[in-house]
């Protein structure tokens, strides 16, 4: 596999199973070189900028937002952009659109990180077990992976949210519990390829436990595809959360979400286009940033892409 060559034997000793001083320095060099390649990659750089700006906006929203996100003033409702101190206009309740977009960035970033973390952990565990042990364990877990993977994420998320009730926590848990299948499929394939390599067989011969082999030898050698999948999963999580909020099953008022802002703007699209356009642009920019970052990670971490 392409990833094994890029991070393989540099991460841990194939004989002793322990990281040594002589091996730690090359590892740092590998990651420093990878970072330099990412910074030289146009897709990754643009993605970093998009994501970084929106993260800063979300984190600093309490300080950057010109108005409280729930402050209403019916006398200034549906003001167009650049009117009376409202850079992006106001909605039907006179709430500042820019302030609500800034606070909505917090929701989208939070959803992307939590969902990706939950799905990554579940996917890594199931994928490692299926790929490493094979046989009946692989058959059973692969069936579970295919079963979850066969259903559209948005439909399964809708089912979970309907059962658990609307809200941000329910939306994040619902998306995380169905997005793990993508990680599991990739991890399973990587583990199947890695378990036959010499340094894995050497560790087994020396009596290393299965858990130690998986954690110290296998996981470090498949960080590349996992990181790429994580970037794409964050993009998918943002879209699904926006979809759930658009349907009223995600973030609940008065807390702003880009999806719920799109739903509000739908009813006023002919009179106040900005209510839908600006939240839609925010979603598009963040999703594009994650996708560009994923493309850059794939190009840098997969030697097969570099040889094209």
C-alpha atoms as a PDB file:
ATOM      1  CA  UNK A   1       0.000   0.000   0.000  1.00  0.00           C
ATOM      2  CA  UNK A   2       1.175   3.524  -0.751  1.00  0.00           C
ATOM      3  CA  UNK A   3       0.909   4.621   2.862  1.00  0.00           C
ATOM      4  CA  UNK A   4       3.131   1.879   4.175  1.00  0.00           C
ATOM      5  CA  UNK A   5       6.053   3.142   2.205  1.00  0.00           C
ATOM      6  CA  UNK A   6       5.601   6.682   3.431  1.00  0.00           C
ATOM      7  CA  UNK A   7       5.253   5.986   7.145  1.00  0.00           C
ATOM      8  CA  UNK A   8       5.955   2.239   7.495  1.00  0.00           C
ATOM      9  CA  UNK A   9       9.085   1.060   9.212  1.00  0.00           C
ATOM     10  CA  UNK A  10      10.059   4.560  10.292  1.00  0.00           C
ATOM     11  CA  UNK A  11       7.423   4.614  13.032  1.00  0.00           C
ATOM     12  CA  UNK A  12       8.338   1.619  15.180  1.00  0.00           C
ATOM     13  CA  UNK A  13      10.910  -1.109  15.405  1.00  0.00           C
ATOM     14  CA  UNK A  14       9.778  -4.295  13.659  1.00  0.00           C
ATOM     15  CA  UNK A  15      11.931  -6.452  15.933  1.00  0.00           C
ATOM     16  CA  UNK A  16      11.499  -5.214  19.444  1.00  0.00           C
ATOM     17  CA  UNK A  17       8.184  -3.477  19.049  1.00  0.00           C
ATOM     18  CA  UNK A  18       9.601  -0.464  20.835  1.00  0.00           C
ATOM     19  CA  UNK A  19      10.283   2.967  19.416  1.00  0.00           C
ATOM     20  CA  UNK A  20      13.990   3.738  19.653  1.00  0.00           C
ATOM     21  CA  UNK A  21      15.882   6.975  19.721  1.00  0.00           C
ATOM     22  CA  UNK A  22      17.361   6.299  16.301  1.00  0.00           C
ATOM     23  CA  UNK A  23      13.926   5.801  14.857  1.00  0.00           C
ATOM     24  CA  UNK A  24      12.256   8.774  16.517  1.00  0.00           C
ATOM     25  CA  UNK A  25      14.385  11.338  14.705  1.00  0.00           C
ATOM     26  CA  UNK A  26      13.551  10.067  11.195  1.00  0.00           C
ATOM     27  CA  UNK A  27       9.889   9.982  12.228  1.00  0.00           C
ATOM     28  CA  UNK A  28      10.004  13.669  13.127  1.00  0.00           C
ATOM     29  CA  UNK A  29      11.751  14.302   9.824  1.00  0.00           C
ATOM     30  CA  UNK A  30       9.051  12.453   7.923  1.00  0.00           C
ATOM     31  CA  UNK A  31       6.256  14.483   9.483  1.00  0.00           C
ATOM     32  CA  UNK A  32       8.158  17.744   9.017  1.00  0.00           C
ATOM     33  CA  UNK A  33       8.690  16.867   5.352  1.00  0.00           C
ATOM     34  CA  UNK A  34       5.005  15.962   5.018  1.00  0.00           C
ATOM     35  CA  UNK A  35       4.008  19.319   6.487  1.00  0.00           C
ATOM     36  CA  UNK A  36       6.273  21.127   4.040  1.00  0.00           C
ATOM     37  CA  UNK A  37       4.744  19.224   1.146  1.00  0.00           C
ATOM     38  CA  UNK A  38       1.263  20.106   2.364  1.00  0.00           C
ATOM     39  CA  UNK A  39       2.155  23.784   2.509  1.00  0.00           C
ATOM     40  CA  UNK A  40       3.432  23.579  -1.073  1.00  0.00           C
ATOM     41  CA  UNK A  41       0.259  21.839  -2.226  1.00  0.00           C
ATOM     42  CA  UNK A  42      -2.178  24.386  -3.627  1.00  0.00           C
ATOM     43  CA  UNK A  43      -5.337  22.444  -2.732  1.00  0.00           C
ATOM     44  CA  UNK A  44      -4.213  21.825   0.834  1.00  0.00           C
ATOM     45  CA  UNK A  45      -3.137  25.447   1.305  1.00  0.00           C
ATOM     46  CA  UNK A  46      -6.439  26.867   0.093  1.00  0.00           C
ATOM     47  CA  UNK A  47      -8.323  24.355   2.223  1.00  0.00           C
ATOM     48  CA  UNK A  48      -6.250  25.304   5.271  1.00  0.00           C
ATOM     49  CA  UNK A  49      -7.032  28.966   4.723  1.00  0.00           C
ATOM     50  CA  UNK A  50     -10.788  28.424   4.335  1.00  0.00           C
ATOM     51  CA  UNK A  51     -11.014  26.154   7.355  1.00  0.00           C
ATOM     52  CA  UNK A  52      -8.681  28.251   9.484  1.00  0.00           C
ATOM     53  CA  UNK A  53     -10.566  31.483   8.849  1.00  0.00           C
ATOM     54  CA  UNK A  54     -13.933  29.921   9.663  1.00  0.00           C
ATOM     55  CA  UNK A  55     -12.549  28.261  12.794  1.00  0.00           C
ATOM     56  CA  UNK A  56     -11.199  31.598  14.004  1.00  0.00           C
ATOM     57  CA  UNK A  57     -14.529  33.259  13.261  1.00  0.00           C
ATOM     58  CA  UNK A  58     -16.382  30.563  15.177  1.00  0.00           C
ATOM     59  CA  UNK A  59     -14.044  30.599  18.178  1.00  0.00           C
ATOM     60  CA  UNK A  60     -13.988  34.390  18.369  1.00  0.00           C
ATOM     61  CA  UNK A  61     -17.681  34.863  17.583  1.00  0.00           C
ATOM     62  CA  UNK A  62     -18.517  36.214  21.077  1.00  0.00           C
ATOM     63  CA  UNK A  63     -15.946  38.968  20.509  1.00  0.00           C
ATOM     64  CA  UNK A  64     -16.238  39.559  16.757  1.00  0.00           C
ATOM     65  CA  UNK A  65     -20.011  39.468  16.328  1.00  0.00           C
ATOM     66  CA  UNK A  66     -21.347  43.050  16.178  1.00  0.00           C
ATOM     67  CA  UNK A  67     -24.664  42.057  17.799  1.00  0.00           C
ATOM     68  CA  UNK A  68     -25.986  39.239  20.004  1.00  0.00           C
ATOM     69  CA  UNK A  69     -27.206  36.447  17.731  1.00  0.00           C
ATOM     70  CA  UNK A  70     -30.665  36.452  19.340  1.00  0.00           C
ATOM     71  CA  UNK A  71     -31.177  40.223  19.530  1.00  0.00           C
ATOM     72  CA  UNK A  72     -34.463  41.080  17.788  1.00  0.00           C
ATOM     73  CA  UNK A  73     -35.632  44.426  16.474  1.00  0.00           C
ATOM     74  CA  UNK A  74     -38.745  44.283  14.327  1.00  0.00           C
ATOM     75  CA  UNK A  75     -38.227  47.878  13.319  1.00  0.00           C
ATOM     76  CA  UNK A  76     -35.087  46.842  11.401  1.00  0.00           C
ATOM     77  CA  UNK A  77     -36.330  43.577   9.936  1.00  0.00           C
ATOM     78  CA  UNK A  78     -35.301  42.524   6.410  1.00  0.00           C
ATOM     79  CA  UNK A  79     -32.740  45.266   6.024  1.00  0.00           C
ATOM     80  CA  UNK A  80     -30.517  44.718   2.965  1.00  0.00           C
ATOM     81  CA  UNK A  81     -26.725  44.371   3.314  1.00  0.00           C
ATOM     82  CA  UNK A  82     -24.749  47.490   4.291  1.00  0.00           C
ATOM     83  CA  UNK A  83     -27.765  49.092   5.961  1.00  0.00           C
ATOM     84  CA  UNK A  84     -27.584  50.842   9.349  1.00  0.00           C
ATOM     85  CA  UNK A  85     -24.552  48.956  10.582  1.00  0.00           C
ATOM     86  CA  UNK A  86     -25.724  45.541   9.401  1.00  0.00           C
ATOM     87  CA  UNK A  87     -23.046  44.419   6.943  1.00  0.00           C
ATOM     88  CA  UNK A  88     -24.977  41.379   5.721  1.00  0.00           C
ATOM     89  CA  UNK A  89     -28.463  42.698   6.457  1.00  0.00           C
ATOM     90  CA  UNK A  90     -31.046  41.376   8.893  1.00  0.00           C
ATOM     91  CA  UNK A  91     -33.618  38.594   8.953  1.00  0.00           C
ATOM     92  CA  UNK A  92     -37.377  38.695   9.448  1.00  0.00           C
ATOM     93  CA  UNK A  93     -36.952  39.364  13.177  1.00  0.00           C
ATOM     94  CA  UNK A  94     -34.352  42.078  12.743  1.00  0.00           C
ATOM     95  CA  UNK A  95     -31.501  39.833  13.863  1.00  0.00           C
ATOM     96  CA  UNK A  96     -28.090  40.594  12.387  1.00  0.00           C
ATOM     97  CA  UNK A  97     -27.197  38.084   9.663  1.00  0.00           C
ATOM     98  CA  UNK A  98     -23.432  38.458  10.072  1.00  0.00           C
ATOM     99  CA  UNK A  99     -23.589  37.793  13.812  1.00  0.00           C
ATOM    100  CA  UNK A 100     -25.711  34.699  13.301  1.00  0.00           C
ATOM    101  CA  UNK A 101     -23.372  33.363  10.616  1.00  0.00           C
ATOM    102  CA  UNK A 102     -20.423  33.824  12.974  1.00  0.00           C
ATOM    103  CA  UNK A 103     -22.183  31.920  15.745  1.00  0.00           C
ATOM    104  CA  UNK A 104     -23.331  29.307  13.242  1.00  0.00           C
ATOM    105  CA  UNK A 105     -19.682  28.644  12.382  1.00  0.00           C
ATOM    106  CA  UNK A 106     -19.194  27.429  15.961  1.00  0.00           C
ATOM    107  CA  UNK A 107     -21.937  24.853  15.462  1.00  0.00           C
ATOM    108  CA  UNK A 108     -20.598  23.559  12.149  1.00  0.00           C
ATOM    109  CA  UNK A 109     -17.000  23.264  13.384  1.00  0.00           C
ATOM    110  CA  UNK A 110     -18.141  21.568  16.582  1.00  0.00           C
ATOM    111  CA  UNK A 111     -20.265  19.092  14.641  1.00  0.00           C
ATOM    112  CA  UNK A 112     -17.433  18.328  12.218  1.00  0.00           C
ATOM    113  CA  UNK A 113     -14.904  17.640  14.980  1.00  0.00           C
ATOM    114  CA  UNK A 114     -17.192  15.626  17.273  1.00  0.00           C
ATOM    115  CA  UNK A 115     -18.740  13.558  14.491  1.00  0.00           C
ATOM    116  CA  UNK A 116     -15.368  12.788  12.953  1.00  0.00           C
ATOM    117  CA  UNK A 117     -13.913  11.854  16.336  1.00  0.00           C
ATOM    118  CA  UNK A 118     -16.783   9.496  17.207  1.00  0.00           C
ATOM    119  CA  UNK A 119     -16.927   7.860  13.795  1.00  0.00           C
ATOM    120  CA  UNK A 120     -13.129   7.536  13.607  1.00  0.00           C
ATOM    121  CA  UNK A 121     -12.891   5.732  16.944  1.00  0.00           C
ATOM    122  CA  UNK A 122     -15.713   3.322  16.078  1.00  0.00           C
ATOM    123  CA  UNK A 123     -14.387   2.752  12.565  1.00  0.00           C
ATOM    124  CA  UNK A 124     -10.827   2.138  13.757  1.00  0.00           C
ATOM    125  CA  UNK A 125     -11.912  -0.437  16.336  1.00  0.00           C
ATOM    126  CA  UNK A 126     -14.239  -2.363  14.015  1.00  0.00           C
ATOM    127  CA  UNK A 127     -11.937  -2.121  11.001  1.00  0.00           C
ATOM    128  CA  UNK A 128      -8.884  -3.288  12.961  1.00  0.00           C
ATOM    129  CA  UNK A 129     -10.731  -6.242  14.466  1.00  0.00           C
ATOM    130  CA  UNK A 130     -12.140  -7.317  11.110  1.00  0.00           C
ATOM    131  CA  UNK A 131      -8.877  -6.948   9.196  1.00  0.00           C
ATOM    132  CA  UNK A 132      -6.540  -8.387  11.817  1.00  0.00           C
ATOM    133  CA  UNK A 133      -8.421 -11.486  12.931  1.00  0.00           C
ATOM    134  CA  UNK A 134     -10.148 -12.360   9.662  1.00  0.00           C
ATOM    135  CA  UNK A 135     -12.292 -15.481   9.472  1.00  0.00           C
ATOM    136  CA  UNK A 136     -15.662 -15.399  11.185  1.00  0.00           C
ATOM    137  CA  UNK A 137     -14.882 -12.101  12.937  1.00  0.00           C
ATOM    138  CA  UNK A 138     -14.162 -10.469   9.592  1.00  0.00           C
ATOM    139  CA  UNK A 139     -17.263 -11.982   8.013  1.00  0.00           C
ATOM    140  CA  UNK A 140     -19.544 -10.782  10.809  1.00  0.00           C
ATOM    141  CA  UNK A 141     -18.086  -7.286  11.062  1.00  0.00           C
ATOM    142  CA  UNK A 142     -17.891  -6.856   7.292  1.00  0.00           C
ATOM    143  CA  UNK A 143     -21.575  -7.683   7.079  1.00  0.00           C
ATOM    144  CA  UNK A 144     -22.277  -5.018   9.710  1.00  0.00           C
ATOM    145  CA  UNK A 145     -20.120  -2.499   7.832  1.00  0.00           C
ATOM    146  CA  UNK A 146     -21.855  -3.217   4.518  1.00  0.00           C
ATOM    147  CA  UNK A 147     -25.253  -3.011   6.198  1.00  0.00           C
ATOM    148  CA  UNK A 148     -24.582   0.457   7.592  1.00  0.00           C
ATOM    149  CA  UNK A 149     -22.743   1.594   4.453  1.00  0.00           C
ATOM    150  CA  UNK A 150     -25.645   0.542   2.254  1.00  0.00           C
ATOM    151  CA  UNK A 151     -28.017   3.125   3.720  1.00  0.00           C
ATOM    152  CA  UNK A 152     -27.738   6.843   2.885  1.00  0.00           C
ATOM    153  CA  UNK A 153     -26.227   8.705   5.836  1.00  0.00           C
ATOM    154  CA  UNK A 154     -28.914  11.355   5.873  1.00  0.00           C
ATOM    155  CA  UNK A 155     -31.739   8.803   6.095  1.00  0.00           C
ATOM    156  CA  UNK A 156     -30.121   6.900   8.961  1.00  0.00           C
ATOM    157  CA  UNK A 157     -29.335  10.172  10.733  1.00  0.00           C
ATOM    158  CA  UNK A 158     -32.974  11.220  10.331  1.00  0.00           C
ATOM    159  CA  UNK A 159     -34.060   7.949  11.930  1.00  0.00           C
ATOM    160  CA  UNK A 160     -31.742   8.409  14.916  1.00  0.00           C
ATOM    161  CA  UNK A 161     -32.753  12.037  15.441  1.00  0.00           C
ATOM    162  CA  UNK A 162     -36.426  11.115  15.226  1.00  0.00           C
ATOM    163  CA  UNK A 163     -35.938   8.528  17.968  1.00  0.00           C
ATOM    164  CA  UNK A 164     -33.663  10.626  20.217  1.00  0.00           C
ATOM    165  CA  UNK A 165     -35.357  13.957  19.574  1.00  0.00           C
ATOM    166  CA  UNK A 166     -34.108  17.120  17.877  1.00  0.00           C
ATOM    167  CA  UNK A 167     -31.110  19.048  19.148  1.00  0.00           C
ATOM    168  CA  UNK A 168     -27.401  19.505  18.535  1.00  0.00           C
ATOM    169  CA  UNK A 169     -26.295  16.599  20.739  1.00  0.00           C
ATOM    170  CA  UNK A 170     -28.721  14.223  19.093  1.00  0.00           C
ATOM    171  CA  UNK A 171     -27.669  15.359  15.638  1.00  0.00           C
ATOM    172  CA  UNK A 172     -23.957  14.858  16.368  1.00  0.00           C
ATOM    173  CA  UNK A 173     -24.513  11.436  17.903  1.00  0.00           C
ATOM    174  CA  UNK A 174     -26.768  10.367  15.043  1.00  0.00           C
ATOM    175  CA  UNK A 175     -24.269  11.383  12.357  1.00  0.00           C
ATOM    176  CA  UNK A 176     -21.325   9.868  14.242  1.00  0.00           C
ATOM    177  CA  UNK A 177     -23.088   6.530  14.686  1.00  0.00           C
ATOM    178  CA  UNK A 178     -23.563   6.100  10.947  1.00  0.00           C
ATOM    179  CA  UNK A 179     -20.433   7.762   9.502  1.00  0.00           C
ATOM    180  CA  UNK A 180     -18.036   5.194  10.996  1.00  0.00           C
ATOM    181  CA  UNK A 181     -18.604   2.674   8.208  1.00  0.00           C
ATOM    182  CA  UNK A 182     -16.397   4.619   5.796  1.00  0.00           C
ATOM    183  CA  UNK A 183     -13.507   4.540   8.252  1.00  0.00           C
ATOM    184  CA  UNK A 184     -14.053   0.842   8.956  1.00  0.00           C
ATOM    185  CA  UNK A 185     -13.922  -0.104   5.277  1.00  0.00           C
ATOM    186  CA  UNK A 186     -10.643   1.744   4.715  1.00  0.00           C
ATOM    187  CA  UNK A 187      -9.043   0.535   7.943  1.00  0.00           C
ATOM    188  CA  UNK A 188     -10.021  -3.081   7.289  1.00  0.00           C
ATOM    189  CA  UNK A 189      -8.356  -3.056   3.878  1.00  0.00           C
ATOM    190  CA  UNK A 190      -5.198  -1.424   5.228  1.00  0.00           C
ATOM    191  CA  UNK A 191      -4.927  -3.907   8.108  1.00  0.00           C
ATOM    192  CA  UNK A 192      -5.379  -6.902   5.790  1.00  0.00           C
ATOM    193  CA  UNK A 193      -2.454  -5.650   3.696  1.00  0.00           C
ATOM    194  CA  UNK A 194      -0.253  -4.760   6.674  1.00  0.00           C
ATOM    195  CA  UNK A 195      -0.699  -7.922   8.738  1.00  0.00           C
ATOM    196  CA  UNK A 196       1.390  -9.974   6.281  1.00  0.00           C
ATOM    197  CA  UNK A 197       4.372  -7.613   6.326  1.00  0.00           C
ATOM    198  CA  UNK A 198       7.618  -8.822   7.843  1.00  0.00           C
ATOM    199  CA  UNK A 199       7.726  -6.452  10.800  1.00  0.00           C
ATOM    200  CA  UNK A 200       4.240  -7.594  11.873  1.00  0.00           C
ATOM    201  CA  UNK A 201       5.208 -11.272  11.593  1.00  0.00           C
ATOM    202  CA  UNK A 202       8.394 -10.557  13.540  1.00  0.00           C
ATOM    203  CA  UNK A 203       6.435  -8.918  16.351  1.00  0.00           C
ATOM    204  CA  UNK A 204       4.076 -11.902  16.470  1.00  0.00           C
ATOM    205  CA  UNK A 205       7.007 -14.292  16.594  1.00  0.00           C
ATOM    206  CA  UNK A 206       8.514 -12.403  19.520  1.00  0.00           C
ATOM    207  CA  UNK A 207       5.249 -12.779  21.443  1.00  0.00           C
ATOM    208  CA  UNK A 208       3.855  -9.267  21.217  1.00  0.00           C
ATOM    209  CA  UNK A 209       0.179  -9.109  22.104  1.00  0.00           C
ATOM    210  CA  UNK A 210      -2.434  -8.439  19.440  1.00  0.00           C
ATOM    211  CA  UNK A 211      -3.354  -5.126  21.059  1.00  0.00           C
ATOM    212  CA  UNK A 212       0.287  -4.019  21.087  1.00  0.00           C
ATOM    213  CA  UNK A 213       0.796  -4.981  17.446  1.00  0.00           C
ATOM    214  CA  UNK A 214      -2.314  -3.096  16.366  1.00  0.00           C
ATOM    215  CA  UNK A 215      -1.580   0.032  18.396  1.00  0.00           C
ATOM    216  CA  UNK A 216       2.219   0.268  17.970  1.00  0.00           C
ATOM    217  CA  UNK A 217       2.722  -1.145  14.471  1.00  0.00           C
ATOM    218  CA  UNK A 218      -0.438  -1.173  12.398  1.00  0.00           C
ATOM    219  CA  UNK A 219      -2.188   2.077  13.336  1.00  0.00           C
ATOM    220  CA  UNK A 220       0.826   4.361  12.687  1.00  0.00           C
ATOM    221  CA  UNK A 221       1.218   2.876   9.212  1.00  0.00           C
ATOM    222  CA  UNK A 222      -2.272   3.779   8.035  1.00  0.00           C
ATOM    223  CA  UNK A 223      -2.538   7.340   9.319  1.00  0.00           C
ATOM    224  CA  UNK A 224      -2.491   8.658   5.747  1.00  0.00           C
ATOM    225  CA  UNK A 225      -5.792   7.219   4.478  1.00  0.00           C
ATOM    226  CA  UNK A 226      -7.417   7.754   7.880  1.00  0.00           C
ATOM    227  CA  UNK A 227      -6.565  11.477   7.838  1.00  0.00           C
ATOM    228  CA  UNK A 228      -7.860  11.808   4.279  1.00  0.00           C
ATOM    229  CA  UNK A 229     -11.093  10.079   5.268  1.00  0.00           C
ATOM    230  CA  UNK A 230     -11.392  12.321   8.327  1.00  0.00           C
ATOM    231  CA  UNK A 231     -11.271  15.442   6.157  1.00  0.00           C
ATOM    232  CA  UNK A 232     -14.016  14.164   3.868  1.00  0.00           C
ATOM    233  CA  UNK A 233     -16.079  13.038   6.866  1.00  0.00           C
ATOM    234  CA  UNK A 234     -15.979  16.533   8.340  1.00  0.00           C
ATOM    235  CA  UNK A 235     -17.354  17.913   5.080  1.00  0.00           C
ATOM    236  CA  UNK A 236     -20.137  15.319   5.051  1.00  0.00           C
ATOM    237  CA  UNK A 237     -20.948  16.031   8.719  1.00  0.00           C
ATOM    238  CA  UNK A 238     -21.343  19.751   8.033  1.00  0.00           C
ATOM    239  CA  UNK A 239     -23.736  19.045   5.167  1.00  0.00           C
ATOM    240  CA  UNK A 240     -25.792  16.523   7.130  1.00  0.00           C
ATOM    241  CA  UNK A 241     -26.047  18.802  10.177  1.00  0.00           C
ATOM    242  CA  UNK A 242     -27.157  21.661   7.947  1.00  0.00           C
ATOM    243  CA  UNK A 243     -29.745  19.358   6.375  1.00  0.00           C
ATOM    244  CA  UNK A 244     -31.083  18.273   9.754  1.00  0.00           C
ATOM    245  CA  UNK A 245     -31.238  21.862  10.984  1.00  0.00           C
ATOM    246  CA  UNK A 246     -32.939  22.883   7.744  1.00  0.00           C
ATOM    247  CA  UNK A 247     -35.638  20.315   8.539  1.00  0.00           C
ATOM    248  CA  UNK A 248     -35.913  21.532  12.141  1.00  0.00           C
ATOM    249  CA  UNK A 249     -34.311  18.385  13.607  1.00  0.00           C
ATOM    250  CA  UNK A 250     -30.874  19.799  14.375  1.00  0.00           C
ATOM    251  CA  UNK A 251     -29.948  22.941  16.288  1.00  0.00           C
ATOM    252  CA  UNK A 252     -33.017  24.473  17.893  1.00  0.00           C
ATOM    253  CA  UNK A 253     -33.890  28.197  18.011  1.00  0.00           C
ATOM    254  CA  UNK A 254     -32.743  30.682  19.035  1.00  0.00           C
ATOM    255  CA  UNK A 255     -29.273  29.158  18.613  1.00  0.00           C
ATOM    256  CA  UNK A 256     -28.236  29.840  15.012  1.00  0.00           C
ATOM    257  CA  UNK A 257     -27.240  27.178  12.521  1.00  0.00           C
ATOM    258  CA  UNK A 258     -26.457  27.681   8.878  1.00  0.00           C
ATOM    259  CA  UNK A 259     -29.048  25.060   7.979  1.00  0.00           C
ATOM    260  CA  UNK A 260     -31.845  26.695   9.981  1.00  0.00           C
ATOM    261  CA  UNK A 261     -30.867  30.087   8.543  1.00  0.00           C
ATOM    262  CA  UNK A 262     -31.277  28.617   5.067  1.00  0.00           C
ATOM    263  CA  UNK A 263     -34.725  27.401   6.028  1.00  0.00           C
ATOM    264  CA  UNK A 264     -35.671  30.861   7.316  1.00  0.00           C
ATOM    265  CA  UNK A 265     -34.388  32.475   4.142  1.00  0.00           C
ATOM    266  CA  UNK A 266     -36.340  30.099   1.924  1.00  0.00           C
ATOM    267  CA  UNK A 267     -39.611  31.845   2.771  1.00  0.00           C
ATOM    268  CA  UNK A 268     -38.143  35.278   1.962  1.00  0.00           C
ATOM    269  CA  UNK A 269     -35.971  34.439  -1.031  1.00  0.00           C
ATOM    270  CA  UNK A 270     -37.803  36.904  -3.285  1.00  0.00           C
ATOM    271  CA  UNK A 271     -37.726  39.765  -0.773  1.00  0.00           C
ATOM    272  CA  UNK A 272     -34.494  39.151   1.150  1.00  0.00           C
ATOM    273  CA  UNK A 273     -32.094  36.997  -0.857  1.00  0.00           C
ATOM    274  CA  UNK A 274     -29.275  37.599   1.644  1.00  0.00           C
ATOM    275  CA  UNK A 275     -31.015  35.498   4.274  1.00  0.00           C
ATOM    276  CA  UNK A 276     -30.326  32.363   2.214  1.00  0.00           C
ATOM    277  CA  UNK A 277     -27.333  33.359   0.096  1.00  0.00           C
ATOM    278  CA  UNK A 278     -24.837  34.133   2.862  1.00  0.00           C
ATOM    279  CA  UNK A 279     -25.453  31.022   5.014  1.00  0.00           C
ATOM    280  CA  UNK A 280     -25.326  28.947   1.837  1.00  0.00           C
ATOM    281  CA  UNK A 281     -21.986  30.495   0.906  1.00  0.00           C
ATOM    282  CA  UNK A 282     -20.634  29.773   4.394  1.00  0.00           C
ATOM    283  CA  UNK A 283     -21.588  26.096   4.079  1.00  0.00           C
ATOM    284  CA  UNK A 284     -20.075  25.901   0.596  1.00  0.00           C
ATOM    285  CA  UNK A 285     -16.786  27.503   1.679  1.00  0.00           C
ATOM    286  CA  UNK A 286     -16.350  25.241   4.715  1.00  0.00           C
ATOM    287  CA  UNK A 287     -17.214  22.069   2.796  1.00  0.00           C
ATOM    288  CA  UNK A 288     -14.938  23.124  -0.057  1.00  0.00           C
ATOM    289  CA  UNK A 289     -12.145  23.736   2.445  1.00  0.00           C
ATOM    290  CA  UNK A 290     -12.419  20.230   3.903  1.00  0.00           C
ATOM    291  CA  UNK A 291     -12.565  18.661   0.446  1.00  0.00           C
ATOM    292  CA  UNK A 292      -9.548  20.613  -0.780  1.00  0.00           C
ATOM    293  CA  UNK A 293      -7.635  19.654   2.357  1.00  0.00           C
ATOM    294  CA  UNK A 294      -8.557  16.021   1.798  1.00  0.00           C
ATOM    295  CA  UNK A 295      -7.361  16.188  -1.805  1.00  0.00           C
ATOM    296  CA  UNK A 296      -4.083  17.739  -0.666  1.00  0.00           C
ATOM    297  CA  UNK A 297      -3.569  15.102   2.024  1.00  0.00           C
ATOM    298  CA  UNK A 298      -4.234  12.359  -0.507  1.00  0.00           C
ATOM    299  CA  UNK A 299      -1.737  13.832  -2.966  1.00  0.00           C
ATOM    300  CA  UNK A 300       0.985  14.185  -0.331  1.00  0.00           C
ATOM    301  CA  UNK A 301       0.477  10.986   1.684  1.00  0.00           C
ATOM    302  CA  UNK A 302      -0.072   8.615  -1.253  1.00  0.00           C
ATOM    303  CA  UNK A 303       3.146   8.127  -3.278  1.00  0.00           C
ATOM    304  CA  UNK A 304       1.106   6.714  -6.168  1.00  0.00           C
ATOM    305  CA  UNK A 305      -0.476  10.136  -6.615  1.00  0.00           C
ATOM    306  CA  UNK A 306       2.934  11.829  -6.582  1.00  0.00           C
ATOM    307  CA  UNK A 307       4.192   9.648  -9.442  1.00  0.00           C
ATOM    308  CA  UNK A 308       1.428  10.718 -11.807  1.00  0.00           C
END
